[in-house]
Amino acid sequence: MKPLNILVIDDEHVIRAGCRMVLGERGHAVESRGTCREGIDAIMAETFDVILLDMKLPDMDGTEVLKAVRDKHPEQRVVVMSGYATVKNIMNSGKLGAFDYLPKPFTDDELVAAVERTTVR
C-alpha cells in the first residue's frame, strides 16, 4: 500500500497519538486536530487521502465536518469513529457521505483495516 496523507480529528489525545503511532509505523503521514474547527481549517488548507473523524467533539458535532468535506472534496474518504455505534448513527454518517464507520474502542488492526478499505475502489 502506498503511503497515505491522513488527518485524525478527535478530542481525545490518546486516540490522536495512537492513530499517529500505528499509522505512522506503516509509513503514512498523519496529522491530527482536536476540534471540528481545527479539522475544517486543515481540510480547507490541505488535501488528505483519508480523514478519521470523531463525531462527538467539544466545539460542534462531527456532522459539520462531514458537510464541509462534502462541499470541498465530494470524493473524500472519511472514516467516522465513535463510541456511540448505533444503527441510527451509522446510517446517518453514511447519508452524510462517510465511507466507513469505526466503533470505539478499536484495536490497532481494526484501525489499519479501516484505512486500508478506503484504498479499495
PDB file of N, CA and C in Angstrom:
ATOM      1  N   MET A   1       0.841  -1.178   0.000  1.00  0.00           N
ATOM      2  CA  MET A   1       0.000   0.000   0.000  1.00  0.00           C
ATOM      3  C   MET A   1       0.887   1.243   0.000  1.00  0.00           C
ATOM      4  N   LYS A   2       0.554   2.182  -0.863  1.00  0.00           N
ATOM      5  CA  LYS A   2       1.330   3.427  -0.923  1.00  0.00           C
ATOM      6  C   LYS A   2       1.050   4.260   0.319  1.00  0.00           C
ATOM      7  N   PRO A   3       2.015   5.061   0.742  1.00  0.00           N
ATOM      8  CA  PRO A   3       1.810   5.916   1.913  1.00  0.00           C
ATOM      9  C   PRO A   3       0.659   6.901   1.669  1.00  0.00           C
ATOM     10  N   LEU A   4      -0.136   7.100   2.689  1.00  0.00           N
ATOM     11  CA  LEU A   4      -1.285   7.996   2.615  1.00  0.00           C
ATOM     12  C   LEU A   4      -1.060   9.217   3.493  1.00  0.00           C
ATOM     13  N   ASN A   5      -1.716  10.307   3.136  1.00  0.00           N
ATOM     14  CA  ASN A   5      -1.745  11.509   3.955  1.00  0.00           C
ATOM     15  C   ASN A   5      -3.071  11.462   4.718  1.00  0.00           C
ATOM     16  N   ILE A   6      -2.990  11.302   6.036  1.00  0.00           N
ATOM     17  CA  ILE A   6      -4.173  11.055   6.863  1.00  0.00           C
ATOM     18  C   ILE A   6      -4.347  12.177   7.879  1.00  0.00           C
ATOM     19  N   LEU A   7      -5.610  12.588   8.067  1.00  0.00           N
ATOM     20  CA  LEU A   7      -5.960  13.565   9.102  1.00  0.00           C
ATOM     21  C   LEU A   7      -6.846  12.876  10.132  1.00  0.00           C
ATOM     22  N   VAL A   8      -6.471  12.996  11.406  1.00  0.00           N
ATOM     23  CA  VAL A   8      -7.267  12.459  12.511  1.00  0.00           C
ATOM     24  C   VAL A   8      -7.871  13.645  13.248  1.00  0.00           C
ATOM     25  N   ILE A   9      -9.212  13.655  13.377  1.00  0.00           N
ATOM     26  CA  ILE A   9      -9.896  14.713  14.121  1.00  0.00           C
ATOM     27  C   ILE A   9     -10.597  14.048  15.304  1.00  0.00           C
ATOM     28  N   ASP A  10     -10.062  14.274  16.495  1.00  0.00           N
ATOM     29  CA  ASP A  10     -10.593  13.661  17.712  1.00  0.00           C
ATOM     30  C   ASP A  10     -10.154  14.501  18.897  1.00  0.00           C
ATOM     31  N   ASP A  11     -11.028  14.679  19.871  1.00  0.00           N
ATOM     32  CA  ASP A  11     -10.671  15.491  21.031  1.00  0.00           C
ATOM     33  C   ASP A  11      -9.874  14.712  22.074  1.00  0.00           C
ATOM     34  N   GLU A  12      -9.775  13.398  21.926  1.00  0.00           N
ATOM     35  CA  GLU A  12      -9.019  12.588  22.880  1.00  0.00           C
ATOM     36  C   GLU A  12      -7.563  12.465  22.414  1.00  0.00           C
ATOM     37  N   HIS A  13      -6.675  13.010  23.243  1.00  0.00           N
ATOM     38  CA  HIS A  13      -5.247  12.981  22.906  1.00  0.00           C
ATOM     39  C   HIS A  13      -4.766  11.550  22.676  1.00  0.00           C
ATOM     40  N   VAL A  14      -5.206  10.617  23.495  1.00  0.00           N
ATOM     41  CA  VAL A  14      -4.743   9.232  23.383  1.00  0.00           C
ATOM     42  C   VAL A  14      -5.153   8.611  22.042  1.00  0.00           C
ATOM     43  N   ILE A  15      -6.313   8.975  21.514  1.00  0.00           N
ATOM     44  CA  ILE A  15      -6.748   8.471  20.203  1.00  0.00           C
ATOM     45  C   ILE A  15      -5.866   9.076  19.108  1.00  0.00           C
ATOM     46  N   ARG A  16      -5.664  10.388  19.162  1.00  0.00           N
ATOM     47  CA  ARG A  16      -4.818  11.040  18.154  1.00  0.00           C
ATOM     48  C   ARG A  16      -3.405  10.463  18.167  1.00  0.00           C
ATOM     49  N   ALA A  17      -2.827  10.329  19.355  1.00  0.00           N
ATOM     50  CA  ALA A  17      -1.459   9.808  19.468  1.00  0.00           C
ATOM     51  C   ALA A  17      -1.389   8.351  19.011  1.00  0.00           C
ATOM     52  N   GLY A  18      -2.368   7.563  19.376  1.00  0.00           N
ATOM     53  CA  GLY A  18      -2.384   6.159  18.974  1.00  0.00           C
ATOM     54  C   GLY A  18      -2.489   6.000  17.469  1.00  0.00           C
ATOM     55  N   CYS A  19      -3.365   6.779  16.843  1.00  0.00           N
ATOM     56  CA  CYS A  19      -3.513   6.729  15.381  1.00  0.00           C
ATOM     57  C   CYS A  19      -2.223   7.153  14.696  1.00  0.00           C
ATOM     58  N   ARG A  20      -1.589   8.222  15.200  1.00  0.00           N
ATOM     59  CA  ARG A  20      -0.316   8.680  14.627  1.00  0.00           C
ATOM     60  C   ARG A  20       0.745   7.582  14.721  1.00  0.00           C
ATOM     61  N   MET A  21       0.818   6.924  15.881  1.00  0.00           N
ATOM     62  CA  MET A  21       1.826   5.899  16.084  1.00  0.00           C
ATOM     63  C   MET A  21       1.572   4.689  15.173  1.00  0.00           C
ATOM     64  N   VAL A  22       0.366   4.143  15.231  1.00  0.00           N
ATOM     65  CA  VAL A  22       0.042   2.928  14.477  1.00  0.00           C
ATOM     66  C   VAL A  22       0.147   3.159  12.969  1.00  0.00           C
ATOM     67  N   LEU A  23      -0.436   4.246  12.493  1.00  0.00           N
ATOM     68  CA  LEU A  23      -0.432   4.504  11.049  1.00  0.00           C
ATOM     69  C   LEU A  23       0.927   5.023  10.576  1.00  0.00           C
ATOM     70  N   GLY A  24       1.595   5.789  11.423  1.00  0.00           N
ATOM     71  CA  GLY A  24       2.932   6.271  11.092  1.00  0.00           C
ATOM     72  C   GLY A  24       3.932   5.130  10.952  1.00  0.00           C
ATOM     73  N   GLU A  25       3.805   4.111  11.795  1.00  0.00           N
ATOM     74  CA  GLU A  25       4.681   2.940  11.700  1.00  0.00           C
ATOM     75  C   GLU A  25       4.502   2.203  10.380  1.00  0.00           C
ATOM     76  N   ARG A  26       3.374   2.401   9.736  1.00  0.00           N
ATOM     77  CA  ARG A  26       3.106   1.765   8.444  1.00  0.00           C
ATOM     78  C   ARG A  26       3.457   2.689   7.271  1.00  0.00           C
ATOM     79  N   GLY A  27       4.132   3.800   7.585  1.00  0.00           N
ATOM     80  CA  GLY A  27       4.640   4.676   6.544  1.00  0.00           C
ATOM     81  C   GLY A  27       3.731   5.819   6.137  1.00  0.00           C
ATOM     82  N   HIS A  28       2.600   5.964   6.802  1.00  0.00           N
ATOM     83  CA  HIS A  28       1.666   7.029   6.453  1.00  0.00           C
ATOM     84  C   HIS A  28       2.045   8.337   7.153  1.00  0.00           C
ATOM     85  N   ALA A  29       1.731   9.450   6.515  1.00  0.00           N
ATOM     86  CA  ALA A  29       1.892  10.770   7.126  1.00  0.00           C
ATOM     87  C   ALA A  29       0.586  11.066   7.856  1.00  0.00           C
ATOM     88  N   VAL A  30       0.658  11.329   9.147  1.00  0.00           N
ATOM     89  CA  VAL A  30      -0.549  11.521   9.946  1.00  0.00           C
ATOM     90  C   VAL A  30      -0.496  12.861  10.662  1.00  0.00           C
ATOM     91  N   GLU A  31      -1.518  13.678  10.408  1.00  0.00           N
ATOM     92  CA  GLU A  31      -1.708  14.928  11.143  1.00  0.00           C
ATOM     93  C   GLU A  31      -2.931  14.748  12.027  1.00  0.00           C
ATOM     94  N   SER A  32      -3.030  15.540  13.082  1.00  0.00           N
ATOM     95  CA  SER A  32      -4.209  15.431  13.940  1.00  0.00           C
ATOM     96  C   SER A  32      -4.662  16.797  14.428  1.00  0.00           C
ATOM     97  N   ARG A  33      -5.949  16.878  14.689  1.00  0.00           N
ATOM     98  CA  ARG A  33      -6.574  18.086  15.231  1.00  0.00           C
ATOM     99  C   ARG A  33      -7.551  17.663  16.330  1.00  0.00           C
ATOM    100  N   GLY A  34      -7.761  18.559  17.306  1.00  0.00           N
ATOM    101  CA  GLY A  34      -8.590  18.222  18.457  1.00  0.00           C
ATOM    102  C   GLY A  34      -9.995  18.779  18.446  1.00  0.00           C
ATOM    103  N   THR A  35     -10.323  19.628  17.461  1.00  0.00           N
ATOM    104  CA  THR A  35     -11.669  20.207  17.395  1.00  0.00           C
ATOM    105  C   THR A  35     -12.180  20.177  15.953  1.00  0.00           C
ATOM    106  N   CYS A  36     -13.484  20.339  15.813  1.00  0.00           N
ATOM    107  CA  CYS A  36     -14.072  20.421  14.470  1.00  0.00           C
ATOM    108  C   CYS A  36     -13.509  21.616  13.709  1.00  0.00           C
ATOM    109  N   ARG A  37     -13.438  22.760  14.360  1.00  0.00           N
ATOM    110  CA  ARG A  37     -12.948  23.971  13.701  1.00  0.00           C
ATOM    111  C   ARG A  37     -11.535  23.780  13.165  1.00  0.00           C
ATOM    112  N   GLU A  38     -10.644  23.218  14.003  1.00  0.00           N
ATOM    113  CA  GLU A  38      -9.274  22.952  13.565  1.00  0.00           C
ATOM    114  C   GLU A  38      -9.267  21.959  12.409  1.00  0.00           C
ATOM    115  N   GLY A  39     -10.133  20.965  12.478  1.00  0.00           N
ATOM    116  CA  GLY A  39     -10.220  19.970  11.411  1.00  0.00           C
ATOM    117  C   GLY A  39     -10.683  20.579  10.103  1.00  0.00           C
ATOM    118  N   ILE A  40     -11.718  21.405  10.164  1.00  0.00           N
ATOM    119  CA  ILE A  40     -12.229  22.064   8.959  1.00  0.00           C
ATOM    120  C   ILE A  40     -11.157  22.976   8.365  1.00  0.00           C
ATOM    121  N   ASP A  41     -10.447  23.709   9.215  1.00  0.00           N
ATOM    122  CA  ASP A  41      -9.373  24.581   8.726  1.00  0.00           C
ATOM    123  C   ASP A  41      -8.305  23.761   7.999  1.00  0.00           C
ATOM    124  N   ALA A  42      -7.940  22.613   8.553  1.00  0.00           N
ATOM    125  CA  ALA A  42      -6.932  21.753   7.917  1.00  0.00           C
ATOM    126  C   ALA A  42      -7.433  21.232   6.576  1.00  0.00           C
ATOM    127  N   ILE A  43      -8.695  20.838   6.522  1.00  0.00           N
ATOM    128  CA  ILE A  43      -9.282  20.309   5.282  1.00  0.00           C
ATOM    129  C   ILE A  43      -9.320  21.385   4.197  1.00  0.00           C
ATOM    130  N   MET A  44      -9.574  22.630   4.579  1.00  0.00           N
ATOM    131  CA  MET A  44      -9.620  23.722   3.613  1.00  0.00           C
ATOM    132  C   MET A  44      -8.221  24.088   3.108  1.00  0.00           C
ATOM    133  N   ALA A  45      -7.204  23.835   3.930  1.00  0.00           N
ATOM    134  CA  ALA A  45      -5.839  24.230   3.577  1.00  0.00           C
ATOM    135  C   ALA A  45      -5.045  23.136   2.874  1.00  0.00           C
ATOM    136  N   GLU A  46      -5.435  21.888   3.047  1.00  0.00           N
ATOM    137  CA  GLU A  46      -4.617  20.782   2.562  1.00  0.00           C
ATOM    138  C   GLU A  46      -5.509  19.644   2.074  1.00  0.00           C
ATOM    139  N   THR A  47      -4.949  18.790   1.236  1.00  0.00           N
ATOM    140  CA  THR A  47      -5.675  17.623   0.739  1.00  0.00           C
ATOM    141  C   THR A  47      -5.193  16.379   1.469  1.00  0.00           C
ATOM    142  N   PHE A  48      -6.137  15.579   1.922  1.00  0.00           N
ATOM    143  CA  PHE A  48      -5.830  14.337   2.632  1.00  0.00           C
ATOM    144  C   PHE A  48      -6.402  13.156   1.863  1.00  0.00           C
ATOM    145  N   ASP A  49      -5.725  12.017   1.948  1.00  0.00           N
ATOM    146  CA  ASP A  49      -6.239  10.807   1.324  1.00  0.00           C
ATOM    147  C   ASP A  49      -7.373  10.228   2.150  1.00  0.00           C
ATOM    148  N   VAL A  50      -7.235  10.303   3.469  1.00  0.00           N
ATOM    149  CA  VAL A  50      -8.220   9.738   4.394  1.00  0.00           C
ATOM    150  C   VAL A  50      -8.373  10.679   5.577  1.00  0.00           C
ATOM    151  N   ILE A  51      -9.609  10.824   6.038  1.00  0.00           N
ATOM    152  CA  ILE A  51      -9.881  11.567   7.268  1.00  0.00           C
ATOM    153  C   ILE A  51     -10.538  10.613   8.249  1.00  0.00           C
ATOM    154  N   LEU A  52      -9.982  10.537   9.451  1.00  0.00           N
ATOM    155  CA  LEU A  52     -10.576   9.770  10.550  1.00  0.00           C
ATOM    156  C   LEU A  52     -11.239  10.793  11.460  1.00  0.00           C
ATOM    157  N   LEU A  53     -12.543  10.692  11.619  1.00  0.00           N
ATOM    158  CA  LEU A  53     -13.328  11.749  12.260  1.00  0.00           C
ATOM    159  C   LEU A  53     -14.171  11.232  13.415  1.00  0.00           C
ATOM    160  N   ASP A  54     -13.938  11.793  14.597  1.00  0.00           N
ATOM    161  CA  ASP A  54     -14.797  11.526  15.751  1.00  0.00           C
ATOM    162  C   ASP A  54     -16.057  12.369  15.591  1.00  0.00           C
ATOM    163  N   MET A  55     -17.206  11.814  15.930  1.00  0.00           N
ATOM    164  CA  MET A  55     -18.461  12.541  15.747  1.00  0.00           C
ATOM    165  C   MET A  55     -18.842  13.401  16.949  1.00  0.00           C
ATOM    166  N   LYS A  56     -18.292  13.118  18.109  1.00  0.00           N
ATOM    167  CA  LYS A  56     -18.624  13.886  19.314  1.00  0.00           C
ATOM    168  C   LYS A  56     -17.416  14.704  19.722  1.00  0.00           C
ATOM    169  N   LEU A  57     -17.428  15.975  19.324  1.00  0.00           N
ATOM    170  CA  LEU A  57     -16.322  16.870  19.631  1.00  0.00           C
ATOM    171  C   LEU A  57     -16.838  18.055  20.441  1.00  0.00           C
ATOM    172  N   PRO A  58     -15.966  18.702  21.227  1.00  0.00           N
ATOM    173  CA  PRO A  58     -16.437  19.730  22.153  1.00  0.00           C
ATOM    174  C   PRO A  58     -17.010  20.986  21.510  1.00  0.00           C
ATOM    175  N   ASP A  59     -16.506  21.377  20.335  1.00  0.00           N
ATOM    176  CA  ASP A  59     -16.947  22.648  19.769  1.00  0.00           C
ATOM    177  C   ASP A  59     -18.160  22.541  18.857  1.00  0.00           C
ATOM    178  N   MET A  60     -18.356  21.403  18.215  1.00  0.00           N
ATOM    179  CA  MET A  60     -19.536  21.180  17.381  1.00  0.00           C
ATOM    180  C   MET A  60     -19.605  19.705  17.030  1.00  0.00           C
ATOM    181  N   ASP A  61     -20.675  19.306  16.399  1.00  0.00           N
ATOM    182  CA  ASP A  61     -20.875  17.914  16.015  1.00  0.00           C
ATOM    183  C   ASP A  61     -20.042  17.591  14.777  1.00  0.00           C
ATOM    184  N   GLY A  62     -19.552  16.370  14.695  1.00  0.00           N
ATOM    185  CA  GLY A  62     -18.752  15.939  13.556  1.00  0.00           C
ATOM    186  C   GLY A  62     -19.489  16.010  12.227  1.00  0.00           C
ATOM    187  N   THR A  63     -20.826  16.062  12.276  1.00  0.00           N
ATOM    188  CA  THR A  63     -21.573  16.182  11.017  1.00  0.00           C
ATOM    189  C   THR A  63     -21.226  17.483  10.297  1.00  0.00           C
ATOM    190  N   GLU A  64     -20.844  18.517  11.040  1.00  0.00           N
ATOM    191  CA  GLU A  64     -20.435  19.776  10.416  1.00  0.00           C
ATOM    192  C   GLU A  64     -19.163  19.583   9.589  1.00  0.00           C
ATOM    193  N   VAL A  65     -18.266  18.747  10.095  1.00  0.00           N
ATOM    194  CA  VAL A  65     -17.043  18.452   9.350  1.00  0.00           C
ATOM    195  C   VAL A  65     -17.396  17.663   8.092  1.00  0.00           C
ATOM    196  N   LEU A  66     -18.269  16.670   8.234  1.00  0.00           N
ATOM    197  CA  LEU A  66     -18.683  15.888   7.061  1.00  0.00           C
ATOM    198  C   LEU A  66     -19.287  16.783   5.986  1.00  0.00           C
ATOM    199  N   LYS A  67     -20.109  17.733   6.393  1.00  0.00           N
ATOM    200  CA  LYS A  67     -20.718  18.654   5.423  1.00  0.00           C
ATOM    201  C   LYS A  67     -19.654  19.509   4.739  1.00  0.00           C
ATOM    202  N   ALA A  68     -18.696  20.012   5.504  1.00  0.00           N
ATOM    203  CA  ALA A  68     -17.621  20.831   4.929  1.00  0.00           C
ATOM    204  C   ALA A  68     -16.785  20.011   3.952  1.00  0.00           C
ATOM    205  N   VAL A  69     -16.519  18.761   4.308  1.00  0.00           N
ATOM    206  CA  VAL A  69     -15.747  17.883   3.438  1.00  0.00           C
ATOM    207  C   VAL A  69     -16.496  17.657   2.131  1.00  0.00           C
ATOM    208  N   ARG A  70     -17.782  17.388   2.215  1.00  0.00           N
ATOM    209  CA  ARG A  70     -18.582  17.121   1.016  1.00  0.00           C
ATOM    210  C   ARG A  70     -18.621  18.337   0.102  1.00  0.00           C
ATOM    211  N   ASP A  71     -18.663  19.535   0.688  1.00  0.00           N
ATOM    212  CA  ASP A  71     -18.687  20.758  -0.123  1.00  0.00           C
ATOM    213  C   ASP A  71     -17.370  20.965  -0.870  1.00  0.00           C
ATOM    214  N   LYS A  72     -16.249  20.721  -0.199  1.00  0.00           N
ATOM    215  CA  LYS A  72     -14.932  20.999  -0.785  1.00  0.00           C
ATOM    216  C   LYS A  72     -14.367  19.813  -1.578  1.00  0.00           C
ATOM    217  N   HIS A  73     -14.544  18.606  -1.051  1.00  0.00           N
ATOM    218  CA  HIS A  73     -13.966  17.397  -1.657  1.00  0.00           C
ATOM    219  C   HIS A  73     -15.016  16.282  -1.658  1.00  0.00           C
ATOM    220  N   PRO A  74     -15.933  16.276  -2.609  1.00  0.00           N
ATOM    221  CA  PRO A  74     -17.030  15.288  -2.604  1.00  0.00           C
ATOM    222  C   PRO A  74     -16.576  13.827  -2.597  1.00  0.00           C
ATOM    223  N   GLU A  75     -15.405  13.546  -3.121  1.00  0.00           N
ATOM    224  CA  GLU A  75     -14.928  12.162  -3.185  1.00  0.00           C
ATOM    225  C   GLU A  75     -14.046  11.772  -1.994  1.00  0.00           C
ATOM    226  N   GLN A  76     -13.885  12.674  -1.033  1.00  0.00           N
ATOM    227  CA  GLN A  76     -13.015  12.433   0.126  1.00  0.00           C
ATOM    228  C   GLN A  76     -13.453  11.191   0.896  1.00  0.00           C
ATOM    229  N   ARG A  77     -12.484  10.362   1.256  1.00  0.00           N
ATOM    230  CA  ARG A  77     -12.754   9.169   2.064  1.00  0.00           C
ATOM    231  C   ARG A  77     -12.697   9.547   3.542  1.00  0.00           C
ATOM    232  N   VAL A  78     -13.846   9.454   4.227  1.00  0.00           N
ATOM    233  CA  VAL A  78     -13.933   9.771   5.654  1.00  0.00           C
ATOM    234  C   VAL A  78     -14.358   8.519   6.401  1.00  0.00           C
ATOM    235  N   VAL A  79     -13.602   8.174   7.427  1.00  0.00           N
ATOM    236  CA  VAL A  79     -13.960   7.082   8.318  1.00  0.00           C
ATOM    237  C   VAL A  79     -14.407   7.722   9.628  1.00  0.00           C
ATOM    238  N   VAL A  80     -15.649   7.505   9.982  1.00  0.00           N
ATOM    239  CA  VAL A  80     -16.205   8.053  11.216  1.00  0.00           C
ATOM    240  C   VAL A  80     -15.843   7.130  12.373  1.00  0.00           C
ATOM    241  N   MET A  81     -15.347   7.729  13.453  1.00  0.00           N
ATOM    242  CA  MET A  81     -15.030   6.990  14.675  1.00  0.00           C
ATOM    243  C   MET A  81     -15.990   7.464  15.763  1.00  0.00           C
ATOM    244  N   SER A  82     -16.571   6.519  16.499  1.00  0.00           N
ATOM    245  CA  SER A  82     -17.478   6.939  17.556  1.00  0.00           C
ATOM    246  C   SER A  82     -17.648   5.857  18.605  1.00  0.00           C
ATOM    247  N   GLY A  83     -17.795   6.300  19.832  1.00  0.00           N
ATOM    248  CA  GLY A  83     -18.111   5.405  20.932  1.00  0.00           C
ATOM    249  C   GLY A  83     -19.605   5.161  21.033  1.00  0.00           C
ATOM    250  N   TYR A  84     -20.370   5.767  20.134  1.00  0.00           N
ATOM    251  CA  TYR A  84     -21.826   5.643  20.144  1.00  0.00           C
ATOM    252  C   TYR A  84     -22.272   4.932  18.868  1.00  0.00           C
ATOM    253  N   ALA A  85     -21.848   3.683  18.723  1.00  0.00           N
ATOM    254  CA  ALA A  85     -22.104   2.929  17.489  1.00  0.00           C
ATOM    255  C   ALA A  85     -23.510   2.330  17.499  1.00  0.00           C
ATOM    256  N   THR A  86     -24.463   3.130  17.084  1.00  0.00           N
ATOM    257  CA  THR A  86     -25.824   2.624  16.929  1.00  0.00           C
ATOM    258  C   THR A  86     -26.131   2.544  15.436  1.00  0.00           C
ATOM    259  N   VAL A  87     -27.115   1.748  15.086  1.00  0.00           N
ATOM    260  CA  VAL A  87     -27.508   1.636  13.680  1.00  0.00           C
ATOM    261  C   VAL A  87     -27.883   3.008  13.136  1.00  0.00           C
ATOM    262  N   LYS A  88     -28.591   3.798  13.943  1.00  0.00           N
ATOM    263  CA  LYS A  88     -29.001   5.142  13.515  1.00  0.00           C
ATOM    264  C   LYS A  88     -27.788   6.020  13.220  1.00  0.00           C
ATOM    265  N   ASN A  89     -26.804   6.018  14.124  1.00  0.00           N
ATOM    266  CA  ASN A  89     -25.601   6.836  13.912  1.00  0.00           C
ATOM    267  C   ASN A  89     -24.827   6.392  12.677  1.00  0.00           C
ATOM    268  N   ILE A  90     -24.718   5.098  12.491  1.00  0.00           N
ATOM    269  CA  ILE A  90     -24.001   4.569  11.331  1.00  0.00           C
ATOM    270  C   ILE A  90     -24.717   4.975  10.047  1.00  0.00           C
ATOM    271  N   MET A  91     -26.036   4.833  10.023  1.00  0.00           N
ATOM    272  CA  MET A  91     -26.805   5.192   8.823  1.00  0.00           C
ATOM    273  C   MET A  91     -26.724   6.690   8.545  1.00  0.00           C
ATOM    274  N   ASN A  92     -26.831   7.508   9.589  1.00  0.00           N
ATOM    275  CA  ASN A  92     -26.738   8.964   9.404  1.00  0.00           C
ATOM    276  C   ASN A  92     -25.371   9.360   8.853  1.00  0.00           C
ATOM    277  N   SER A  93     -24.317   8.738   9.349  1.00  0.00           N
ATOM    278  CA  SER A  93     -22.972   9.028   8.845  1.00  0.00           C
ATOM    279  C   SER A  93     -22.875   8.674   7.369  1.00  0.00           C
ATOM    280  N   GLY A  94     -23.425   7.541   7.008  1.00  0.00           N
ATOM    281  CA  GLY A  94     -23.411   7.123   5.606  1.00  0.00           C
ATOM    282  C   GLY A  94     -24.177   8.077   4.713  1.00  0.00           C
ATOM    283  N   LYS A  95     -25.303   8.548   5.193  1.00  0.00           N
ATOM    284  CA  LYS A  95     -26.104   9.505   4.414  1.00  0.00           C
ATOM    285  C   LYS A  95     -25.347  10.809   4.192  1.00  0.00           C
ATOM    286  N   LEU A  96     -24.503  11.172   5.152  1.00  0.00           N
ATOM    287  CA  LEU A  96     -23.718  12.406   5.041  1.00  0.00           C
ATOM    288  C   LEU A  96     -22.422  12.203   4.263  1.00  0.00           C
ATOM    289  N   GLY A  97     -22.191  10.989   3.797  1.00  0.00           N
ATOM    290  CA  GLY A  97     -21.040  10.750   2.942  1.00  0.00           C
ATOM    291  C   GLY A  97     -19.863  10.036   3.574  1.00  0.00           C
ATOM    292  N   ALA A  98     -20.012   9.536   4.807  1.00  0.00           N
ATOM    293  CA  ALA A  98     -18.909   8.783   5.406  1.00  0.00           C
ATOM    294  C   ALA A  98     -18.676   7.501   4.613  1.00  0.00           C
ATOM    295  N   PHE A  99     -17.423   7.159   4.428  1.00  0.00           N
ATOM    296  CA  PHE A  99     -17.051   5.966   3.685  1.00  0.00           C
ATOM    297  C   PHE A  99     -17.177   4.721   4.555  1.00  0.00           C
ATOM    298  N   ASP A 100     -16.830   4.842   5.836  1.00  0.00           N
ATOM    299  CA  ASP A 100     -16.825   3.700   6.742  1.00  0.00           C
ATOM    300  C   ASP A 100     -17.072   4.199   8.165  1.00  0.00           C
ATOM    301  N   TYR A 101     -17.318   3.268   9.059  1.00  0.00           N
ATOM    302  CA  TYR A 101     -17.621   3.564  10.451  1.00  0.00           C
ATOM    303  C   TYR A 101     -16.755   2.674  11.326  1.00  0.00           C
ATOM    304  N   LEU A 102     -16.016   3.251  12.253  1.00  0.00           N
ATOM    305  CA  LEU A 102     -15.125   2.516  13.138  1.00  0.00           C
ATOM    306  C   LEU A 102     -15.563   2.752  14.585  1.00  0.00           C
ATOM    307  N   PRO A 103     -16.217   1.740  15.195  1.00  0.00           N
ATOM    308  CA  PRO A 103     -16.670   1.938  16.576  1.00  0.00           C
ATOM    309  C   PRO A 103     -15.502   1.948  17.565  1.00  0.00           C
ATOM    310  N   LYS A 104     -15.593   2.861  18.540  1.00  0.00           N
ATOM    311  CA  LYS A 104     -14.604   2.929  19.621  1.00  0.00           C
ATOM    312  C   LYS A 104     -15.081   2.044  20.767  1.00  0.00           C
ATOM    313  N   PRO A 105     -14.199   1.447  21.490  1.00  0.00           N
ATOM    314  CA  PRO A 105     -12.763   1.402  21.269  1.00  0.00           C
ATOM    315  C   PRO A 105     -12.441   0.442  20.119  1.00  0.00           C
ATOM    316  N   PHE A 106     -11.334   0.693  19.433  1.00  0.00           N
ATOM    317  CA  PHE A 106     -10.926  -0.174  18.335  1.00  0.00           C
ATOM    318  C   PHE A 106      -9.481  -0.613  18.548  1.00  0.00           C
ATOM    319  N   THR A 107      -9.142  -1.731  17.930  1.00  0.00           N
ATOM    320  CA  THR A 107      -7.779  -2.244  18.035  1.00  0.00           C
ATOM    321  C   THR A 107      -6.917  -1.627  16.935  1.00  0.00           C
ATOM    322  N   ASP A 108      -5.614  -1.799  17.058  1.00  0.00           N
ATOM    323  CA  ASP A 108      -4.696  -1.330  16.022  1.00  0.00           C
ATOM    324  C   ASP A 108      -5.043  -1.977  14.684  1.00  0.00           C
ATOM    325  N   ASP A 109      -5.331  -3.275  14.703  1.00  0.00           N
ATOM    326  CA  ASP A 109      -5.658  -3.991  13.467  1.00  0.00           C
ATOM    327  C   ASP A 109      -6.949  -3.466  12.841  1.00  0.00           C
ATOM    328  N   GLU A 110      -7.945  -3.142  13.668  1.00  0.00           N
ATOM    329  CA  GLU A 110      -9.200  -2.591  13.144  1.00  0.00           C
ATOM    330  C   GLU A 110      -8.975  -1.226  12.510  1.00  0.00           C
ATOM    331  N   LEU A 111      -8.123  -0.416  13.126  1.00  0.00           N
ATOM    332  CA  LEU A 111      -7.785   0.895  12.576  1.00  0.00           C
ATOM    333  C   LEU A 111      -7.103   0.750  11.220  1.00  0.00           C
ATOM    334  N   VAL A 112      -6.100  -0.095  11.158  1.00  0.00           N
ATOM    335  CA  VAL A 112      -5.367  -0.304   9.907  1.00  0.00           C
ATOM    336  C   VAL A 112      -6.303  -0.835   8.826  1.00  0.00           C
ATOM    337  N   ALA A 113      -7.168  -1.786   9.180  1.00  0.00           N
ATOM    338  CA  ALA A 113      -8.104  -2.355   8.205  1.00  0.00           C
ATOM    339  C   ALA A 113      -9.064  -1.294   7.666  1.00  0.00           C
ATOM    340  N   ALA A 114      -9.538  -0.403   8.549  1.00  0.00           N
ATOM    341  CA  ALA A 114     -10.452   0.657   8.107  1.00  0.00           C
ATOM    342  C   ALA A 114      -9.760   1.585   7.125  1.00  0.00           C
ATOM    343  N   VAL A 115      -8.516   1.936   7.406  1.00  0.00           N
ATOM    344  CA  VAL A 115      -7.759   2.811   6.488  1.00  0.00           C
ATOM    345  C   VAL A 115      -7.499   2.080   5.173  1.00  0.00           C
ATOM    346  N   GLU A 116      -7.126   0.821   5.249  1.00  0.00           N
ATOM    347  CA  GLU A 116      -6.863   0.053   4.023  1.00  0.00           C
ATOM    348  C   GLU A 116      -8.104  -0.080   3.152  1.00  0.00           C
ATOM    349  N   ARG A 117      -9.271  -0.214   3.774  1.00  0.00           N
ATOM    350  CA  ARG A 117     -10.522  -0.312   2.996  1.00  0.00           C
ATOM    351  C   ARG A 117     -10.772   0.933   2.167  1.00  0.00           C
ATOM    352  N   THR A 118     -10.272   2.070   2.601  1.00  0.00           N
ATOM    353  CA  THR A 118     -10.503   3.312   1.850  1.00  0.00           C
ATOM    354  C   THR A 118      -9.767   3.334   0.521  1.00  0.00           C
ATOM    355  N   THR A 119      -8.751   2.485   0.392  1.00  0.00           N
ATOM    356  CA  THR A 119      -7.967   2.483  -0.849  1.00  0.00           C
ATOM    357  C   THR A 119      -8.523   1.504  -1.881  1.00  0.00           C
ATOM    358  N   VAL A 120      -9.484   0.673  -1.487  1.00  0.00           N
ATOM    359  CA  VAL A 120     -10.089  -0.295  -2.403  1.00  0.00           C
ATOM    360  C   VAL A 120     -11.177   0.414  -3.179  1.00  0.00           C
ATOM    361  N   ARG A 121     -11.079   0.371  -4.458  1.00  0.00           N
ATOM    362  CA  ARG A 121     -12.071   1.067  -5.306  1.00  0.00           C
ATOM    363  C   ARG A 121     -13.093   0.093  -5.800  1.00  0.00           C
TER     364      ARG A 121
END
